Amino acid sequence: MLKDDLAKAFVTTQSFKWDPAGGFKLASGATSPFYVDCRVLMAHPGPRHLVAQLAFEQLKSLSLDCIGGLEIGAIAIATAIADEAYRAGPRQEWRTFVVRKQPKDHGLGKLIEGAVQPGDRAVIVDDVLTSGGSIIKAVTAARDAGLTVDYTVVIVDRKEHEGRAKVEAQGLTLFSLLTIDDLLATRRKQDG
């Protein structure tokens, strides 16, 4: 039920856009007839809570110390999930961290920012999976910082460019809350 509610929220918040004529340029460089904008979705408290609940359900049985979000869109996702883990049972105290796209040219110049220590068991979250490149880069940065990363979570798997296979080839278990098929089916129901 929560999954259906989340798919509907993408449509009602206009976080799922469809333009078969013009399309949208993606971070991967590809053009697609649809665009998934999780930043807009996460700006709404109801959908943000749904994301947190669904992700926590996937993760609650795992032994984790922290949860990291890719700069900038997944920071809110990581925070929402960590907050849900703290409120829900069994209570988890997962610290959060940010995975930068590139190190700052001032301060400590780190790719990983937050309360983490080498040996921490971490999960990396991102908004949308297309080619897998962003999440693989983030996992590599976290592992290079000494974190143990075996799991990743995305809100939407676009099911394109073998993204899931590429992520899993890195020895990762990938959890997706929705797939593009879920969003397309929900949009068709609401349009039809």
N, C-alpha and C. Protein backbone atom coordinates (compact mmCIF):
# COMPACT_ATOMS: atom_id res chain seq x y z
N MET A 1 0.82 -1.20 0.00
CA MET A 1 0.00 0.00 0.00
C MET A 1 0.86 1.26 0.00
N LEU A 2 1.90 1.29 0.84
CA LEU A 2 2.77 2.47 0.88
C LEU A 2 3.43 2.70 -0.48
N LYS A 3 3.78 1.60 -1.15
CA LYS A 3 4.42 1.71 -2.46
C LYS A 3 3.48 2.39 -3.46
N ASP A 4 2.22 2.00 -3.46
CA ASP A 4 1.23 2.64 -4.35
C ASP A 4 1.06 4.11 -3.99
N ASP A 5 1.03 4.40 -2.71
CA ASP A 5 0.90 5.79 -2.26
C ASP A 5 2.08 6.63 -2.73
N LEU A 6 3.27 6.06 -2.67
CA LEU A 6 4.45 6.79 -3.12
C LEU A 6 4.40 7.04 -4.63
N ALA A 7 4.00 6.04 -5.39
CA ALA A 7 3.88 6.21 -6.84
C ALA A 7 2.86 7.30 -7.17
N LYS A 8 1.74 7.32 -6.46
CA LYS A 8 0.73 8.37 -6.67
C LYS A 8 1.28 9.74 -6.30
N ALA A 9 2.09 9.80 -5.25
CA ALA A 9 2.67 11.07 -4.82
C ALA A 9 3.58 11.66 -5.90
N PHE A 10 4.28 10.82 -6.64
CA PHE A 10 5.10 11.33 -7.74
C PHE A 10 4.25 12.07 -8.76
N VAL A 11 3.07 11.54 -9.03
CA VAL A 11 2.19 12.17 -10.02
C VAL A 11 1.55 13.43 -9.44
N THR A 12 1.03 13.35 -8.22
CA THR A 12 0.32 14.50 -7.65
C THR A 12 1.24 15.68 -7.34
N THR A 13 2.51 15.40 -7.04
CA THR A 13 3.46 16.49 -6.76
C THR A 13 4.17 16.96 -8.03
N GLN A 14 3.80 16.39 -9.14
CA GLN A 14 4.42 16.69 -10.45
C GLN A 14 5.92 16.41 -10.43
N SER A 15 6.30 15.38 -9.71
CA SER A 15 7.69 14.95 -9.64
C SER A 15 8.03 13.95 -10.73
N PHE A 16 7.02 13.49 -11.44
CA PHE A 16 7.20 12.59 -12.57
C PHE A 16 6.66 13.30 -13.80
N LYS A 17 7.55 13.63 -14.71
CA LYS A 17 7.17 14.39 -15.91
C LYS A 17 7.32 13.52 -17.14
N TRP A 18 6.43 13.75 -18.11
CA TRP A 18 6.38 12.95 -19.33
C TRP A 18 6.33 13.88 -20.53
N ASP A 19 7.26 13.74 -21.45
CA ASP A 19 7.28 14.54 -22.68
C ASP A 19 7.86 13.67 -23.80
N PRO A 20 7.00 12.84 -24.42
CA PRO A 20 7.52 11.93 -25.45
C PRO A 20 8.05 12.65 -26.69
N ALA A 21 7.61 13.87 -26.93
CA ALA A 21 8.07 14.61 -28.11
C ALA A 21 9.47 15.19 -27.91
N GLY A 22 9.66 15.94 -26.82
CA GLY A 22 10.93 16.61 -26.60
C GLY A 22 11.90 15.84 -25.73
N GLY A 23 11.39 15.21 -24.72
CA GLY A 23 12.24 14.45 -23.81
C GLY A 23 13.04 15.32 -22.88
N PHE A 24 13.86 14.68 -22.07
CA PHE A 24 14.66 15.34 -21.05
C PHE A 24 16.07 14.78 -21.10
N LYS A 25 17.06 15.67 -20.96
CA LYS A 25 18.45 15.22 -20.91
C LYS A 25 18.76 14.81 -19.47
N LEU A 26 19.33 13.62 -19.31
CA LEU A 26 19.63 13.07 -18.00
C LEU A 26 21.09 13.30 -17.63
N ALA A 27 21.41 13.09 -16.36
CA ALA A 27 22.78 13.24 -15.88
C ALA A 27 23.73 12.31 -16.62
N SER A 28 23.22 11.17 -17.07
CA SER A 28 24.04 10.21 -17.80
C SER A 28 24.35 10.68 -19.22
N GLY A 29 23.67 11.75 -19.66
CA GLY A 29 23.84 12.25 -21.02
C GLY A 29 22.77 11.75 -21.98
N ALA A 30 22.04 10.73 -21.59
CA ALA A 30 20.98 10.18 -22.43
C ALA A 30 19.76 11.10 -22.42
N THR A 31 18.91 10.92 -23.42
CA THR A 31 17.63 11.64 -23.48
C THR A 31 16.52 10.65 -23.20
N SER A 32 15.53 11.07 -22.42
CA SER A 32 14.44 10.19 -22.03
C SER A 32 13.11 10.91 -22.16
N PRO A 33 12.03 10.18 -22.48
CA PRO A 33 10.71 10.82 -22.56
C PRO A 33 10.12 11.15 -21.19
N PHE A 34 10.74 10.68 -20.12
CA PHE A 34 10.24 10.98 -18.78
C PHE A 34 11.36 11.47 -17.89
N TYR A 35 10.96 12.23 -16.86
CA TYR A 35 11.92 12.78 -15.91
C TYR A 35 11.38 12.56 -14.51
N VAL A 36 12.22 12.03 -13.64
CA VAL A 36 11.86 11.77 -12.25
C VAL A 36 12.61 12.79 -11.40
N ASP A 37 11.86 13.67 -10.74
CA ASP A 37 12.47 14.75 -9.95
C ASP A 37 12.23 14.52 -8.47
N CYS A 38 13.11 13.78 -7.85
CA CYS A 38 12.95 13.45 -6.43
C CYS A 38 13.17 14.64 -5.52
N ARG A 39 13.85 15.68 -6.00
CA ARG A 39 14.02 16.88 -5.16
C ARG A 39 12.66 17.52 -4.89
N VAL A 40 11.81 17.56 -5.90
CA VAL A 40 10.46 18.10 -5.71
C VAL A 40 9.67 17.17 -4.79
N LEU A 41 9.74 15.88 -5.02
CA LEU A 41 9.02 14.92 -4.18
C LEU A 41 9.43 15.07 -2.72
N MET A 42 10.73 15.14 -2.46
CA MET A 42 11.23 15.20 -1.08
C MET A 42 10.96 16.54 -0.41
N ALA A 43 10.51 17.53 -1.16
CA ALA A 43 10.14 18.83 -0.58
C ALA A 43 8.80 18.75 0.13
N HIS A 44 8.05 17.68 -0.09
CA HIS A 44 6.72 17.49 0.51
C HIS A 44 6.82 16.52 1.69
N PRO A 45 6.32 16.91 2.87
CA PRO A 45 6.47 16.05 4.05
C PRO A 45 5.82 14.68 3.93
N GLY A 46 4.64 14.59 3.34
CA GLY A 46 3.97 13.29 3.22
C GLY A 46 4.77 12.30 2.39
N PRO A 47 5.11 12.66 1.15
CA PRO A 47 5.92 11.76 0.34
C PRO A 47 7.29 11.47 0.95
N ARG A 48 7.89 12.47 1.58
CA ARG A 48 9.19 12.27 2.23
C ARG A 48 9.07 11.18 3.31
N HIS A 49 7.97 11.22 4.06
CA HIS A 49 7.74 10.21 5.10
C HIS A 49 7.53 8.83 4.47
N LEU A 50 6.82 8.76 3.34
CA LEU A 50 6.63 7.48 2.65
C LEU A 50 7.97 6.89 2.22
N VAL A 51 8.83 7.74 1.66
CA VAL A 51 10.17 7.28 1.25
C VAL A 51 10.90 6.70 2.46
N ALA A 52 10.86 7.43 3.56
CA ALA A 52 11.56 6.99 4.77
C ALA A 52 11.01 5.65 5.28
N GLN A 53 9.69 5.52 5.30
CA GLN A 53 9.08 4.29 5.79
C GLN A 53 9.45 3.09 4.91
N LEU A 54 9.32 3.27 3.59
CA LEU A 54 9.61 2.17 2.67
C LEU A 54 11.08 1.76 2.73
N ALA A 55 11.96 2.74 2.78
CA ALA A 55 13.39 2.43 2.83
C ALA A 55 13.74 1.74 4.15
N PHE A 56 13.19 2.23 5.25
CA PHE A 56 13.48 1.62 6.54
C PHE A 56 13.01 0.16 6.57
N GLU A 57 11.87 -0.12 5.97
CA GLU A 57 11.38 -1.50 5.91
C GLU A 57 12.40 -2.40 5.22
N GLN A 58 13.06 -1.88 4.18
CA GLN A 58 14.07 -2.66 3.46
C GLN A 58 15.34 -2.86 4.29
N LEU A 59 15.67 -1.88 5.12
CA LEU A 59 16.97 -1.85 5.79
C LEU A 59 16.97 -2.30 7.25
N LYS A 60 15.82 -2.34 7.89
CA LYS A 60 15.79 -2.48 9.35
C LYS A 60 16.42 -3.75 9.88
N SER A 61 16.50 -4.79 9.09
CA SER A 61 17.09 -6.03 9.59
C SER A 61 18.61 -6.08 9.38
N LEU A 62 19.17 -5.07 8.72
CA LEU A 62 20.60 -5.04 8.44
C LEU A 62 21.37 -4.43 9.61
N SER A 63 22.61 -4.79 9.72
CA SER A 63 23.48 -4.23 10.74
C SER A 63 24.22 -3.04 10.13
N LEU A 64 23.78 -1.83 10.46
CA LEU A 64 24.33 -0.61 9.87
C LEU A 64 24.72 0.37 10.96
N ASP A 65 25.70 1.21 10.64
CA ASP A 65 26.11 2.29 11.53
C ASP A 65 25.71 3.65 10.99
N CYS A 66 25.68 3.77 9.66
CA CYS A 66 25.44 5.09 9.08
C CYS A 66 24.84 4.97 7.69
N ILE A 67 24.29 6.09 7.25
CA ILE A 67 23.63 6.15 5.95
C ILE A 67 24.09 7.42 5.25
N GLY A 68 24.53 7.27 4.01
CA GLY A 68 25.08 8.41 3.28
C GLY A 68 24.27 8.74 2.05
N GLY A 69 24.12 10.04 1.81
CA GLY A 69 23.41 10.52 0.64
C GLY A 69 24.33 11.28 -0.29
N LEU A 70 24.13 11.09 -1.58
CA LEU A 70 24.92 11.81 -2.57
C LEU A 70 24.52 13.27 -2.57
N GLU A 71 25.54 14.12 -2.71
CA GLU A 71 25.32 15.57 -2.81
C GLU A 71 24.52 15.83 -4.08
N ILE A 72 23.53 16.55 -4.13
CA ILE A 72 22.82 17.27 -3.13
C ILE A 72 21.45 16.62 -2.91
N GLY A 73 20.93 15.98 -3.94
CA GLY A 73 19.57 15.46 -3.88
C GLY A 73 19.31 14.38 -2.86
N ALA A 74 20.31 13.57 -2.55
CA ALA A 74 20.07 12.44 -1.66
C ALA A 74 20.35 12.74 -0.19
N ILE A 75 20.78 13.95 0.11
CA ILE A 75 21.02 14.31 1.51
C ILE A 75 19.71 14.24 2.30
N ALA A 76 18.65 14.80 1.74
CA ALA A 76 17.34 14.76 2.41
C ALA A 76 16.83 13.33 2.55
N ILE A 77 17.13 12.50 1.56
CA ILE A 77 16.70 11.10 1.60
C ILE A 77 17.38 10.38 2.76
N ALA A 78 18.69 10.52 2.86
CA ALA A 78 19.44 9.87 3.94
C ALA A 78 18.95 10.34 5.30
N THR A 79 18.72 11.63 5.43
CA THR A 79 18.27 12.19 6.71
C THR A 79 16.89 11.66 7.08
N ALA A 80 15.98 11.63 6.11
CA ALA A 80 14.62 11.14 6.38
C ALA A 80 14.64 9.67 6.82
N ILE A 81 15.46 8.86 6.16
CA ILE A 81 15.54 7.44 6.52
C ILE A 81 16.14 7.28 7.91
N ALA A 82 17.19 8.02 8.21
CA ALA A 82 17.81 7.94 9.54
C ALA A 82 16.84 8.37 10.63
N ASP A 83 16.06 9.41 10.36
CA ASP A 83 15.06 9.86 11.33
C ASP A 83 13.99 8.80 11.54
N GLU A 84 13.54 8.16 10.46
CA GLU A 84 12.55 7.09 10.57
C GLU A 84 13.13 5.92 11.37
N ALA A 85 14.38 5.59 11.13
CA ALA A 85 15.02 4.49 11.85
C ALA A 85 15.09 4.78 13.34
N TYR A 86 15.26 6.04 13.68
CA TYR A 86 15.33 6.43 15.10
C TYR A 86 13.95 6.34 15.76
N ARG A 87 12.90 6.72 15.02
CA ARG A 87 11.54 6.72 15.57
C ARG A 87 10.91 5.34 15.61
N ALA A 88 11.18 4.54 14.60
CA ALA A 88 10.49 3.26 14.43
C ALA A 88 11.14 2.18 15.29
N GLY A 89 10.47 1.05 15.32
CA GLY A 89 11.04 -0.06 16.05
C GLY A 89 11.53 -1.14 15.10
N PRO A 90 12.56 -1.84 15.39
CA PRO A 90 13.46 -1.55 16.51
C PRO A 90 14.28 -0.29 16.24
N ARG A 91 14.42 0.55 17.27
CA ARG A 91 15.11 1.83 17.12
C ARG A 91 16.55 1.61 16.67
N GLN A 92 16.93 2.39 15.65
CA GLN A 92 18.30 2.38 15.13
C GLN A 92 18.86 3.79 15.23
N GLU A 93 20.11 3.91 15.53
CA GLU A 93 20.75 5.23 15.58
C GLU A 93 21.78 5.32 14.47
N TRP A 94 21.27 5.45 13.24
CA TRP A 94 22.14 5.54 12.08
C TRP A 94 22.56 6.99 11.89
N ARG A 95 23.86 7.21 11.95
CA ARG A 95 24.39 8.55 11.68
C ARG A 95 24.32 8.80 10.17
N THR A 96 24.34 10.05 9.79
CA THR A 96 24.28 10.38 8.37
C THR A 96 25.58 11.03 7.91
N PHE A 97 25.81 10.92 6.61
CA PHE A 97 26.95 11.59 6.01
C PHE A 97 26.62 11.95 4.57
N VAL A 98 27.42 12.84 4.03
CA VAL A 98 27.25 13.32 2.65
C VAL A 98 28.41 12.80 1.81
N VAL A 99 28.08 12.36 0.61
CA VAL A 99 29.11 12.01 -0.36
C VAL A 99 29.17 13.15 -1.38
N ARG A 100 30.26 13.88 -1.36
CA ARG A 100 30.43 15.01 -2.28
C ARG A 100 30.74 14.52 -3.69
N LYS A 101 30.36 15.33 -4.67
CA LYS A 101 30.70 15.02 -6.06
C LYS A 101 32.20 15.19 -6.28
N GLN A 102 32.76 16.18 -5.64
CA GLN A 102 34.21 16.39 -5.67
C GLN A 102 34.63 17.07 -4.38
N PRO A 103 35.87 16.88 -3.98
CA PRO A 103 36.31 17.48 -2.72
C PRO A 103 36.31 19.00 -2.80
N LYS A 104 36.04 19.63 -1.66
CA LYS A 104 36.12 21.09 -1.59
C LYS A 104 37.59 21.50 -1.76
N ASP A 105 37.80 22.70 -2.26
CA ASP A 105 39.18 23.19 -2.40
C ASP A 105 39.62 23.96 -1.16
N HIS A 106 38.86 23.84 -0.08
CA HIS A 106 39.22 24.46 1.19
C HIS A 106 38.81 23.52 2.33
N GLY A 107 39.10 23.90 3.54
CA GLY A 107 38.77 23.04 4.68
C GLY A 107 39.55 21.74 4.62
N LEU A 108 38.87 20.63 4.89
CA LEU A 108 39.54 19.33 4.92
C LEU A 108 39.62 18.67 3.55
N GLY A 109 38.85 19.19 2.58
CA GLY A 109 38.91 18.66 1.21
C GLY A 109 38.51 17.20 1.08
N LYS A 110 37.51 16.78 1.85
CA LYS A 110 37.09 15.38 1.85
C LYS A 110 35.91 15.14 0.91
N LEU A 111 35.82 13.92 0.39
CA LEU A 111 34.64 13.51 -0.37
C LEU A 111 33.52 13.06 0.56
N ILE A 112 33.87 12.52 1.70
CA ILE A 112 32.89 12.03 2.68
C ILE A 112 32.87 13.01 3.85
N GLU A 113 31.71 13.60 4.11
CA GLU A 113 31.55 14.58 5.19
C GLU A 113 30.49 14.08 6.16
N GLY A 114 30.84 13.99 7.42
CA GLY A 114 29.87 13.59 8.43
C GLY A 114 30.53 12.79 9.53
N ALA A 115 29.70 12.24 10.40
CA ALA A 115 30.19 11.52 11.58
C ALA A 115 30.42 10.06 11.24
N VAL A 116 31.50 9.79 10.49
CA VAL A 116 31.83 8.42 10.12
C VAL A 116 33.25 8.09 10.55
N GLN A 117 33.48 6.79 10.72
CA GLN A 117 34.80 6.31 11.10
C GLN A 117 35.14 5.09 10.25
N PRO A 118 36.41 4.89 9.95
CA PRO A 118 36.78 3.67 9.22
C PRO A 118 36.22 2.44 9.93
N GLY A 119 35.68 1.52 9.14
CA GLY A 119 35.08 0.32 9.69
C GLY A 119 33.58 0.41 9.86
N ASP A 120 33.01 1.63 9.81
CA ASP A 120 31.56 1.76 9.90
C ASP A 120 30.88 1.01 8.76
N ARG A 121 29.75 0.40 9.08
CA ARG A 121 28.92 -0.28 8.08
C ARG A 121 27.90 0.73 7.57
N ALA A 122 27.98 1.00 6.27
CA ALA A 122 27.18 2.09 5.69
C ALA A 122 26.30 1.59 4.55
N VAL A 123 25.23 2.33 4.33
CA VAL A 123 24.41 2.17 3.13
C VAL A 123 24.45 3.51 2.41
N ILE A 124 24.51 3.46 1.09
CA ILE A 124 24.50 4.67 0.27
C ILE A 124 23.13 4.79 -0.38
N VAL A 125 22.53 5.99 -0.30
CA VAL A 125 21.23 6.22 -0.92
C VAL A 125 21.36 7.26 -2.03
N ASP A 126 20.52 7.10 -3.04
CA ASP A 126 20.44 8.05 -4.14
C ASP A 126 18.99 8.16 -4.55
N ASP A 127 18.70 9.16 -5.34
CA ASP A 127 17.31 9.35 -5.74
C ASP A 127 16.90 8.42 -6.88
N VAL A 128 17.63 8.45 -7.99
CA VAL A 128 17.24 7.72 -9.19
C VAL A 128 18.43 6.93 -9.71
N LEU A 129 18.18 5.69 -10.12
CA LEU A 129 19.21 4.86 -10.75
C LEU A 129 18.96 4.82 -12.25
N THR A 130 19.95 5.24 -13.01
CA THR A 130 19.89 5.11 -14.47
C THR A 130 21.03 4.19 -14.91
N SER A 131 22.22 4.74 -15.05
CA SER A 131 23.37 3.93 -15.48
C SER A 131 24.12 3.31 -14.32
N GLY A 132 23.90 3.83 -13.12
CA GLY A 132 24.62 3.34 -11.95
C GLY A 132 25.91 4.07 -11.66
N GLY A 133 26.33 4.95 -12.57
CA GLY A 133 27.61 5.64 -12.42
C GLY A 133 27.73 6.46 -11.16
N SER A 134 26.71 7.23 -10.82
CA SER A 134 26.77 8.10 -9.64
C SER A 134 26.87 7.30 -8.36
N ILE A 135 26.07 6.27 -8.25
CA ILE A 135 26.07 5.49 -7.01
C ILE A 135 27.36 4.69 -6.87
N ILE A 136 27.89 4.18 -7.98
CA ILE A 136 29.16 3.44 -7.93
C ILE A 136 30.29 4.37 -7.50
N LYS A 137 30.30 5.58 -8.03
CA LYS A 137 31.33 6.56 -7.64
C LYS A 137 31.22 6.87 -6.14
N ALA A 138 30.00 7.02 -5.65
CA ALA A 138 29.80 7.31 -4.22
C ALA A 138 30.24 6.14 -3.34
N VAL A 139 29.90 4.94 -3.75
CA VAL A 139 30.30 3.76 -2.98
C VAL A 139 31.82 3.64 -2.96
N THR A 140 32.45 3.90 -4.10
CA THR A 140 33.92 3.85 -4.16
C THR A 140 34.53 4.86 -3.20
N ALA A 141 33.99 6.08 -3.17
CA ALA A 141 34.50 7.11 -2.26
C ALA A 141 34.32 6.68 -0.80
N ALA A 142 33.17 6.10 -0.48
CA ALA A 142 32.92 5.65 0.89
C ALA A 142 33.86 4.51 1.27
N ARG A 143 34.05 3.59 0.36
CA ARG A 143 34.97 2.48 0.64
C ARG A 143 36.40 2.99 0.78
N ASP A 144 36.79 3.95 -0.06
CA ASP A 144 38.13 4.53 0.04
C ASP A 144 38.34 5.24 1.38
N ALA A 145 37.24 5.71 1.98
CA ALA A 145 37.31 6.37 3.30
C ALA A 145 37.29 5.35 4.44
N GLY A 146 37.28 4.06 4.09
CA GLY A 146 37.33 3.02 5.11
C GLY A 146 35.99 2.46 5.54
N LEU A 147 34.91 2.89 4.89
CA LEU A 147 33.58 2.39 5.25
C LEU A 147 33.33 1.05 4.56
N THR A 148 32.54 0.22 5.20
CA THR A 148 32.10 -1.04 4.60
C THR A 148 30.73 -0.79 4.00
N VAL A 149 30.63 -0.90 2.69
CA VAL A 149 29.37 -0.63 2.00
C VAL A 149 28.98 -1.87 1.21
N ASP A 150 27.86 -2.47 1.60
CA ASP A 150 27.33 -3.65 0.91
C ASP A 150 25.94 -3.42 0.34
N TYR A 151 25.32 -2.27 0.68
CA TYR A 151 23.93 -2.02 0.31
C TYR A 151 23.77 -0.61 -0.24
N THR A 152 22.84 -0.49 -1.18
CA THR A 152 22.45 0.82 -1.69
C THR A 152 20.93 0.84 -1.80
N VAL A 153 20.39 2.05 -1.72
CA VAL A 153 18.94 2.25 -1.86
C VAL A 153 18.72 3.39 -2.84
N VAL A 154 17.78 3.20 -3.76
CA VAL A 154 17.33 4.28 -4.63
C VAL A 154 15.82 4.38 -4.52
N ILE A 155 15.31 5.58 -4.73
CA ILE A 155 13.85 5.73 -4.73
C ILE A 155 13.28 5.11 -5.99
N VAL A 156 13.87 5.43 -7.15
CA VAL A 156 13.35 4.92 -8.42
C VAL A 156 14.47 4.30 -9.25
N ASP A 157 14.22 3.09 -9.71
CA ASP A 157 15.10 2.42 -10.67
C ASP A 157 14.47 2.62 -12.05
N ARG A 158 15.18 3.35 -12.91
CA ARG A 158 14.67 3.62 -14.26
C ARG A 158 14.73 2.38 -15.15
N LYS A 159 15.44 1.34 -14.70
CA LYS A 159 15.57 0.09 -15.45
C LYS A 159 16.18 0.33 -16.83
N GLU A 160 17.23 1.15 -16.86
CA GLU A 160 17.89 1.48 -18.13
C GLU A 160 19.39 1.27 -18.00
N HIS A 161 20.05 1.16 -19.14
CA HIS A 161 21.52 1.15 -19.24
C HIS A 161 22.17 0.14 -18.30
N GLU A 162 21.45 -0.94 -18.00
CA GLU A 162 21.97 -1.99 -17.13
C GLU A 162 22.46 -1.45 -15.79
N GLY A 163 21.80 -0.39 -15.30
CA GLY A 163 22.20 0.24 -14.05
C GLY A 163 22.24 -0.72 -12.88
N ARG A 164 21.18 -1.50 -12.72
CA ARG A 164 21.12 -2.46 -11.60
C ARG A 164 22.26 -3.47 -11.71
N ALA A 165 22.48 -4.00 -12.89
CA ALA A 165 23.55 -5.00 -13.08
C ALA A 165 24.92 -4.42 -12.76
N LYS A 166 25.14 -3.17 -13.16
CA LYS A 166 26.43 -2.53 -12.90
C LYS A 166 26.65 -2.33 -11.39
N VAL A 167 25.60 -1.92 -10.70
CA VAL A 167 25.70 -1.73 -9.24
C VAL A 167 25.94 -3.07 -8.55
N GLU A 168 25.18 -4.08 -8.93
CA GLU A 168 25.33 -5.39 -8.31
C GLU A 168 26.68 -6.02 -8.63
N ALA A 169 27.28 -5.67 -9.77
CA ALA A 169 28.61 -6.18 -10.13
C ALA A 169 29.69 -5.65 -9.18
N GLN A 170 29.37 -4.60 -8.43
CA GLN A 170 30.30 -4.05 -7.44
C GLN A 170 30.17 -4.75 -6.08
N GLY A 171 29.41 -5.85 -6.05
CA GLY A 171 29.22 -6.59 -4.81
C GLY A 171 28.19 -5.96 -3.90
N LEU A 172 27.28 -5.19 -4.47
CA LEU A 172 26.27 -4.46 -3.70
C LEU A 172 24.90 -5.09 -3.86
N THR A 173 24.12 -5.03 -2.80
CA THR A 173 22.70 -5.35 -2.88
C THR A 173 21.98 -4.02 -3.07
N LEU A 174 21.15 -3.95 -4.11
CA LEU A 174 20.43 -2.72 -4.44
C LEU A 174 18.96 -2.89 -4.09
N PHE A 175 18.45 -1.97 -3.28
CA PHE A 175 17.03 -1.91 -2.98
C PHE A 175 16.45 -0.72 -3.72
N SER A 176 15.36 -0.93 -4.46
CA SER A 176 14.67 0.21 -5.07
C SER A 176 13.25 0.24 -4.54
N LEU A 177 12.80 1.44 -4.18
CA LEU A 177 11.45 1.58 -3.63
C LEU A 177 10.40 1.45 -4.72
N LEU A 178 10.72 1.98 -5.91
CA LEU A 178 9.84 1.92 -7.07
C LEU A 178 10.69 1.68 -8.31
N THR A 179 10.01 1.25 -9.38
CA THR A 179 10.65 1.21 -10.70
C THR A 179 9.90 2.18 -11.61
N ILE A 180 10.49 2.45 -12.74
CA ILE A 180 9.83 3.33 -13.70
C ILE A 180 8.50 2.73 -14.14
N ASP A 181 8.41 1.40 -14.17
CA ASP A 181 7.15 0.74 -14.53
C ASP A 181 6.04 1.10 -13.55
N ASP A 182 6.37 1.19 -12.26
CA ASP A 182 5.39 1.59 -11.25
C ASP A 182 4.87 2.99 -11.52
N LEU A 183 5.78 3.91 -11.86
CA LEU A 183 5.37 5.30 -12.12
C LEU A 183 4.54 5.41 -13.39
N LEU A 184 4.95 4.71 -14.44
CA LEU A 184 4.19 4.75 -15.69
C LEU A 184 2.79 4.17 -15.50
N ALA A 185 2.68 3.07 -14.77
CA ALA A 185 1.37 2.46 -14.53
C ALA A 185 0.47 3.39 -13.72
N THR A 186 1.02 4.04 -12.73
CA THR A 186 0.24 4.98 -11.91
C THR A 186 -0.21 6.17 -12.73
N ARG A 187 0.67 6.68 -13.56
CA ARG A 187 0.29 7.82 -14.41
C ARG A 187 -0.83 7.43 -15.37
N ARG A 188 -0.71 6.25 -15.97
CA ARG A 188 -1.76 5.79 -16.90
C ARG A 188 -3.10 5.67 -16.18
N LYS A 189 -3.09 5.14 -14.96
CA LYS A 189 -4.34 5.01 -14.19
C LYS A 189 -4.95 6.37 -13.91
N GLN A 190 -4.11 7.33 -13.54
CA GLN A 190 -4.62 8.66 -13.20
C GLN A 190 -5.04 9.44 -14.44
N ASP A 191 -4.40 9.16 -15.58
CA ASP A 191 -4.77 9.84 -16.83
C ASP A 191 -6.02 9.23 -17.45
N GLY A 192 -6.22 7.94 -17.16
CA GLY A 192 -7.21 7.21 -17.91
C GLY A 192 -8.53 7.05 -17.36
